[in-house]
């Protein structure tokens, strides 16, 4: 859903408080090596520019060649209505710095798999709800030991029309 809605300062403050509670709980429960979440300032900016729902946290691990990166991504729905047909896709590439959505989505290191979750018919998030989606990304044995940029795209699919880009995340993967 396009964020054409104007959020009041009070609404933004209420959502930020709720998101901070979700992030705090997830961070303390996470058993993965890395964790990132949007700051209060970033959330205020996000409410003014992104579609909703939105990505609010990520956690992941480092791995070795031939290993697996477990990646968790948390999404939150600030909208006053339920939002359905939500999917997340992850891949490796340097597209995070690209502003154009088509170029961002096409910037893929093809040595790595491109993964999409969940199954048909996607996620539905109630108003004010959040959820965590987990991916297991297989790292090819043949790649170099270095850092790679994992990307995540949250989208709302329209099965018979053009879908909507909602938000993105980036997570650096250490392969050693």
C-alpha atoms as a PDB file:
ATOM      1  CA  UNK A   1       0.000   0.000   0.000  1.00  0.00           C
ATOM      2  CA  UNK A   2       1.455   3.366  -0.949  1.00  0.00           C
ATOM      3  CA  UNK A   3       2.142   5.558   2.055  1.00  0.00           C
ATOM      4  CA  UNK A   4       0.094   8.538   0.953  1.00  0.00           C
ATOM      5  CA  UNK A   5      -1.144   8.789   4.529  1.00  0.00           C
ATOM      6  CA  UNK A   6       0.101  11.660   6.649  1.00  0.00           C
ATOM      7  CA  UNK A   7       1.153  10.430  10.067  1.00  0.00           C
ATOM      8  CA  UNK A   8       0.606  12.761  13.009  1.00  0.00           C
ATOM      9  CA  UNK A   9       3.473  13.289  15.441  1.00  0.00           C
ATOM     10  CA  UNK A  10       1.484  11.446  18.109  1.00  0.00           C
ATOM     11  CA  UNK A  11       0.879   8.453  15.797  1.00  0.00           C
ATOM     12  CA  UNK A  12       4.553   8.281  14.858  1.00  0.00           C
ATOM     13  CA  UNK A  13       5.576   8.480  18.523  1.00  0.00           C
ATOM     14  CA  UNK A  14       3.149   5.654  19.435  1.00  0.00           C
ATOM     15  CA  UNK A  15       4.417   3.419  16.628  1.00  0.00           C
ATOM     16  CA  UNK A  16       8.063   4.171  17.465  1.00  0.00           C
ATOM     17  CA  UNK A  17       7.496   3.177  21.096  1.00  0.00           C
ATOM     18  CA  UNK A  18       5.846  -0.070  20.007  1.00  0.00           C
ATOM     19  CA  UNK A  19       8.588  -0.836  17.455  1.00  0.00           C
ATOM     20  CA  UNK A  20      11.304  -0.141  20.038  1.00  0.00           C
ATOM     21  CA  UNK A  21       9.633  -2.679  22.351  1.00  0.00           C
ATOM     22  CA  UNK A  22       9.539  -5.265  19.547  1.00  0.00           C
ATOM     23  CA  UNK A  23      13.203  -4.607  18.698  1.00  0.00           C
ATOM     24  CA  UNK A  24      14.303  -4.844  22.345  1.00  0.00           C
ATOM     25  CA  UNK A  25      12.517  -8.186  22.755  1.00  0.00           C
ATOM     26  CA  UNK A  26      13.946  -9.595  19.498  1.00  0.00           C
ATOM     27  CA  UNK A  27      17.474  -8.406  20.246  1.00  0.00           C
ATOM     28  CA  UNK A  28      17.484 -10.090  23.656  1.00  0.00           C
ATOM     29  CA  UNK A  29      16.043 -13.306  22.172  1.00  0.00           C
ATOM     30  CA  UNK A  30      18.347 -13.414  19.150  1.00  0.00           C
ATOM     31  CA  UNK A  31      21.009 -16.084  19.217  1.00  0.00           C
ATOM     32  CA  UNK A  32      22.571 -14.841  15.982  1.00  0.00           C
ATOM     33  CA  UNK A  33      25.869 -12.997  15.838  1.00  0.00           C
ATOM     34  CA  UNK A  34      24.682  -9.745  14.231  1.00  0.00           C
ATOM     35  CA  UNK A  35      21.622  -7.581  14.876  1.00  0.00           C
ATOM     36  CA  UNK A  36      20.523  -4.297  13.327  1.00  0.00           C
ATOM     37  CA  UNK A  37      17.416  -2.236  13.911  1.00  0.00           C
ATOM     38  CA  UNK A  38      16.127   1.137  12.852  1.00  0.00           C
ATOM     39  CA  UNK A  39      16.869   3.951  15.282  1.00  0.00           C
ATOM     40  CA  UNK A  40      14.244   6.414  16.482  1.00  0.00           C
ATOM     41  CA  UNK A  41      15.496   9.043  14.012  1.00  0.00           C
ATOM     42  CA  UNK A  42      15.495   6.518  11.167  1.00  0.00           C
ATOM     43  CA  UNK A  43      11.953   5.477  12.086  1.00  0.00           C
ATOM     44  CA  UNK A  44      10.727   9.070  11.963  1.00  0.00           C
ATOM     45  CA  UNK A  45      12.275   9.444   8.511  1.00  0.00           C
ATOM     46  CA  UNK A  46      10.932   6.063   7.413  1.00  0.00           C
ATOM     47  CA  UNK A  47       7.373   7.047   8.319  1.00  0.00           C
ATOM     48  CA  UNK A  48       7.683  10.022   5.987  1.00  0.00           C
ATOM     49  CA  UNK A  49       9.121   8.207   2.960  1.00  0.00           C
ATOM     50  CA  UNK A  50       8.452   4.473   2.751  1.00  0.00           C
ATOM     51  CA  UNK A  51       5.414   2.437   1.986  1.00  0.00           C
ATOM     52  CA  UNK A  52       4.055   0.376   4.830  1.00  0.00           C
ATOM     53  CA  UNK A  53       4.457  -2.229   6.283  1.00  0.00           C
ATOM     54  CA  UNK A  54       8.181  -1.750   6.907  1.00  0.00           C
ATOM     55  CA  UNK A  55      11.332  -3.620   7.912  1.00  0.00           C
ATOM     56  CA  UNK A  56      12.296  -2.796  11.512  1.00  0.00           C
ATOM     57  CA  UNK A  57      15.086  -5.248  12.404  1.00  0.00           C
ATOM     58  CA  UNK A  58      17.416  -7.908  11.005  1.00  0.00           C
ATOM     59  CA  UNK A  59      19.662 -10.553  12.564  1.00  0.00           C
ATOM     60  CA  UNK A  60      22.134 -12.950  10.907  1.00  0.00           C
ATOM     61  CA  UNK A  61      25.306 -14.939  11.390  1.00  0.00           C
ATOM     62  CA  UNK A  62      28.714 -15.137   9.748  1.00  0.00           C
ATOM     63  CA  UNK A  63      29.647 -18.430   8.115  1.00  0.00           C
ATOM     64  CA  UNK A  64      32.195 -20.309   6.058  1.00  0.00           C
ATOM     65  CA  UNK A  65      32.380 -21.325   2.418  1.00  0.00           C
ATOM     66  CA  UNK A  66      29.682 -23.986   1.970  1.00  0.00           C
ATOM     67  CA  UNK A  67      27.958 -22.856   5.177  1.00  0.00           C
ATOM     68  CA  UNK A  68      24.538 -21.380   5.850  1.00  0.00           C
ATOM     69  CA  UNK A  69      23.577 -17.854   6.828  1.00  0.00           C
ATOM     70  CA  UNK A  70      20.436 -17.737   8.926  1.00  0.00           C
ATOM     71  CA  UNK A  71      18.763 -14.377   8.347  1.00  0.00           C
ATOM     72  CA  UNK A  72      15.786 -13.117  10.340  1.00  0.00           C
ATOM     73  CA  UNK A  73      13.893 -10.035   9.233  1.00  0.00           C
ATOM     74  CA  UNK A  74      11.204  -8.311  11.282  1.00  0.00           C
ATOM     75  CA  UNK A  75       8.386  -6.395   9.663  1.00  0.00           C
ATOM     76  CA  UNK A  76       5.796  -4.132  11.265  1.00  0.00           C
ATOM     77  CA  UNK A  77       2.430  -2.857  10.005  1.00  0.00           C
ATOM     78  CA  UNK A  78       1.610   0.645  11.255  1.00  0.00           C
ATOM     79  CA  UNK A  79      -1.465   0.885   9.025  1.00  0.00           C
ATOM     80  CA  UNK A  80      -4.981   0.995  10.498  1.00  0.00           C
ATOM     81  CA  UNK A  81      -5.967  -1.934   8.243  1.00  0.00           C
ATOM     82  CA  UNK A  82      -4.621  -5.427   7.605  1.00  0.00           C
ATOM     83  CA  UNK A  83      -2.166  -5.786   4.736  1.00  0.00           C
ATOM     84  CA  UNK A  84      -1.872  -9.082   2.849  1.00  0.00           C
ATOM     85  CA  UNK A  85       0.039 -10.772   0.027  1.00  0.00           C
ATOM     86  CA  UNK A  86       3.350  -9.738   1.591  1.00  0.00           C
ATOM     87  CA  UNK A  87       6.568 -11.424   0.495  1.00  0.00           C
ATOM     88  CA  UNK A  88      10.231 -10.952   1.264  1.00  0.00           C
ATOM     89  CA  UNK A  89      13.036 -11.781  -1.104  1.00  0.00           C
ATOM     90  CA  UNK A  90      16.752 -11.953  -0.268  1.00  0.00           C
ATOM     91  CA  UNK A  91      19.822 -12.122  -2.496  1.00  0.00           C
ATOM     92  CA  UNK A  92      23.495 -11.134  -2.560  1.00  0.00           C
ATOM     93  CA  UNK A  93      24.669  -8.093  -4.509  1.00  0.00           C
ATOM     94  CA  UNK A  94      25.640  -4.441  -4.109  1.00  0.00           C
ATOM     95  CA  UNK A  95      22.215  -3.040  -4.961  1.00  0.00           C
ATOM     96  CA  UNK A  96      21.557  -1.415  -1.593  1.00  0.00           C
ATOM     97  CA  UNK A  97      23.140   1.856  -2.740  1.00  0.00           C
ATOM     98  CA  UNK A  98      20.997   1.975  -5.889  1.00  0.00           C
ATOM     99  CA  UNK A  99      17.954   4.246  -5.598  1.00  0.00           C
ATOM    100  CA  UNK A 100      16.119   2.917  -8.652  1.00  0.00           C
ATOM    101  CA  UNK A 101      13.980  -0.031  -7.530  1.00  0.00           C
ATOM    102  CA  UNK A 102      14.368  -1.992 -10.765  1.00  0.00           C
ATOM    103  CA  UNK A 103      18.152  -1.649 -10.676  1.00  0.00           C
ATOM    104  CA  UNK A 104      18.188  -2.507  -6.960  1.00  0.00           C
ATOM    105  CA  UNK A 105      16.272  -5.730  -7.603  1.00  0.00           C
ATOM    106  CA  UNK A 106      18.411  -6.645 -10.624  1.00  0.00           C
ATOM    107  CA  UNK A 107      21.770  -6.126  -8.880  1.00  0.00           C
ATOM    108  CA  UNK A 108      22.405  -9.795  -8.082  1.00  0.00           C
ATOM    109  CA  UNK A 109      25.552 -11.857  -7.603  1.00  0.00           C
ATOM    110  CA  UNK A 110      24.362 -14.956  -9.487  1.00  0.00           C
ATOM    111  CA  UNK A 111      26.740 -17.272  -7.629  1.00  0.00           C
ATOM    112  CA  UNK A 112      24.298 -17.135  -4.705  1.00  0.00           C
ATOM    113  CA  UNK A 113      20.670 -18.288  -4.548  1.00  0.00           C
ATOM    114  CA  UNK A 114      17.800 -15.814  -4.538  1.00  0.00           C
ATOM    115  CA  UNK A 115      15.170 -16.778  -1.945  1.00  0.00           C
ATOM    116  CA  UNK A 116      11.551 -15.757  -1.398  1.00  0.00           C
ATOM    117  CA  UNK A 117       9.319 -16.344   1.636  1.00  0.00           C
ATOM    118  CA  UNK A 118       6.646 -17.234   2.630  1.00  0.00           C
ATOM    119  CA  UNK A 119       4.554 -19.730   0.709  1.00  0.00           C
ATOM    120  CA  UNK A 120       1.410 -18.772  -1.208  1.00  0.00           C
ATOM    121  CA  UNK A 121      -0.591 -16.570  -0.307  1.00  0.00           C
ATOM    122  CA  UNK A 122       2.030 -14.556   1.495  1.00  0.00           C
ATOM    123  CA  UNK A 123       1.848 -12.910   4.887  1.00  0.00           C
ATOM    124  CA  UNK A 124      -1.059 -10.915   6.212  1.00  0.00           C
ATOM    125  CA  UNK A 125      -0.302  -8.451   8.988  1.00  0.00           C
ATOM    126  CA  UNK A 126      -3.057  -7.011  11.161  1.00  0.00           C
ATOM    127  CA  UNK A 127      -2.954  -3.338  12.167  1.00  0.00           C
ATOM    128  CA  UNK A 128      -0.070  -2.745  14.579  1.00  0.00           C
ATOM    129  CA  UNK A 129       1.188  -6.319  14.177  1.00  0.00           C
ATOM    130  CA  UNK A 130       4.721  -7.523  13.569  1.00  0.00           C
ATOM    131  CA  UNK A 131       6.261 -10.785  12.468  1.00  0.00           C
ATOM    132  CA  UNK A 132       9.663 -12.327  11.842  1.00  0.00           C
ATOM    133  CA  UNK A 133      10.531 -14.226   8.681  1.00  0.00           C
ATOM    134  CA  UNK A 134      13.553 -16.556   8.636  1.00  0.00           C
ATOM    135  CA  UNK A 135      15.716 -17.482   5.654  1.00  0.00           C
ATOM    136  CA  UNK A 136      18.545 -20.010   5.388  1.00  0.00           C
ATOM    137  CA  UNK A 137      20.929 -18.845   2.669  1.00  0.00           C
ATOM    138  CA  UNK A 138      23.373 -21.501   1.408  1.00  0.00           C
ATOM    139  CA  UNK A 139      26.808 -20.056   0.717  1.00  0.00           C
ATOM    140  CA  UNK A 140      28.546 -21.709  -2.254  1.00  0.00           C
ATOM    141  CA  UNK A 141      31.833 -23.498  -1.541  1.00  0.00           C
ATOM    142  CA  UNK A 142      33.430 -21.768  -4.523  1.00  0.00           C
ATOM    143  CA  UNK A 143      33.079 -18.138  -3.342  1.00  0.00           C
ATOM    144  CA  UNK A 144      35.957 -16.135  -1.916  1.00  0.00           C
ATOM    145  CA  UNK A 145      36.441 -15.537   1.786  1.00  0.00           C
ATOM    146  CA  UNK A 146      35.308 -11.922   2.164  1.00  0.00           C
ATOM    147  CA  UNK A 147      32.255  -9.849   3.014  1.00  0.00           C
ATOM    148  CA  UNK A 148      29.163  -9.929   0.816  1.00  0.00           C
ATOM    149  CA  UNK A 149      26.137  -7.679   0.929  1.00  0.00           C
ATOM    150  CA  UNK A 150      22.863  -9.470   1.476  1.00  0.00           C
ATOM    151  CA  UNK A 151      19.756  -7.573   0.399  1.00  0.00           C
ATOM    152  CA  UNK A 152      16.147  -7.940   1.424  1.00  0.00           C
ATOM    153  CA  UNK A 153      13.089  -6.540  -0.314  1.00  0.00           C
ATOM    154  CA  UNK A 154       9.636  -6.403   1.261  1.00  0.00           C
ATOM    155  CA  UNK A 155       6.888  -6.289  -1.343  1.00  0.00           C
ATOM    156  CA  UNK A 156       3.163  -6.647  -1.676  1.00  0.00           C
ATOM    157  CA  UNK A 157       2.304  -8.899  -4.604  1.00  0.00           C
ATOM    158  CA  UNK A 158      -0.705  -8.424  -6.855  1.00  0.00           C
ATOM    159  CA  UNK A 159      -1.393 -11.749  -8.518  1.00  0.00           C
ATOM    160  CA  UNK A 160      -3.023 -10.151 -11.560  1.00  0.00           C
ATOM    161  CA  UNK A 161      -1.410  -6.707 -11.670  1.00  0.00           C
ATOM    162  CA  UNK A 162       1.743  -4.813 -10.703  1.00  0.00           C
ATOM    163  CA  UNK A 163       2.784  -5.278  -7.083  1.00  0.00           C
ATOM    164  CA  UNK A 164       4.191  -2.668  -4.705  1.00  0.00           C
ATOM    165  CA  UNK A 165       7.721  -2.208  -3.419  1.00  0.00           C
ATOM    166  CA  UNK A 166       7.478  -1.551   0.326  1.00  0.00           C
ATOM    167  CA  UNK A 167      10.923  -1.468   1.938  1.00  0.00           C
ATOM    168  CA  UNK A 168      14.475  -2.840   1.878  1.00  0.00           C
ATOM    169  CA  UNK A 169      17.240  -3.979   4.176  1.00  0.00           C
ATOM    170  CA  UNK A 170      20.933  -4.785   3.810  1.00  0.00           C
ATOM    171  CA  UNK A 171      23.030  -7.192   5.876  1.00  0.00           C
ATOM    172  CA  UNK A 172      26.801  -7.698   5.452  1.00  0.00           C
ATOM    173  CA  UNK A 173      27.746 -11.392   5.395  1.00  0.00           C
ATOM    174  CA  UNK A 174      31.201 -12.437   6.581  1.00  0.00           C
ATOM    175  CA  UNK A 175      32.387 -15.582   4.790  1.00  0.00           C
ATOM    176  CA  UNK A 176      35.654 -16.930   6.173  1.00  0.00           C
END
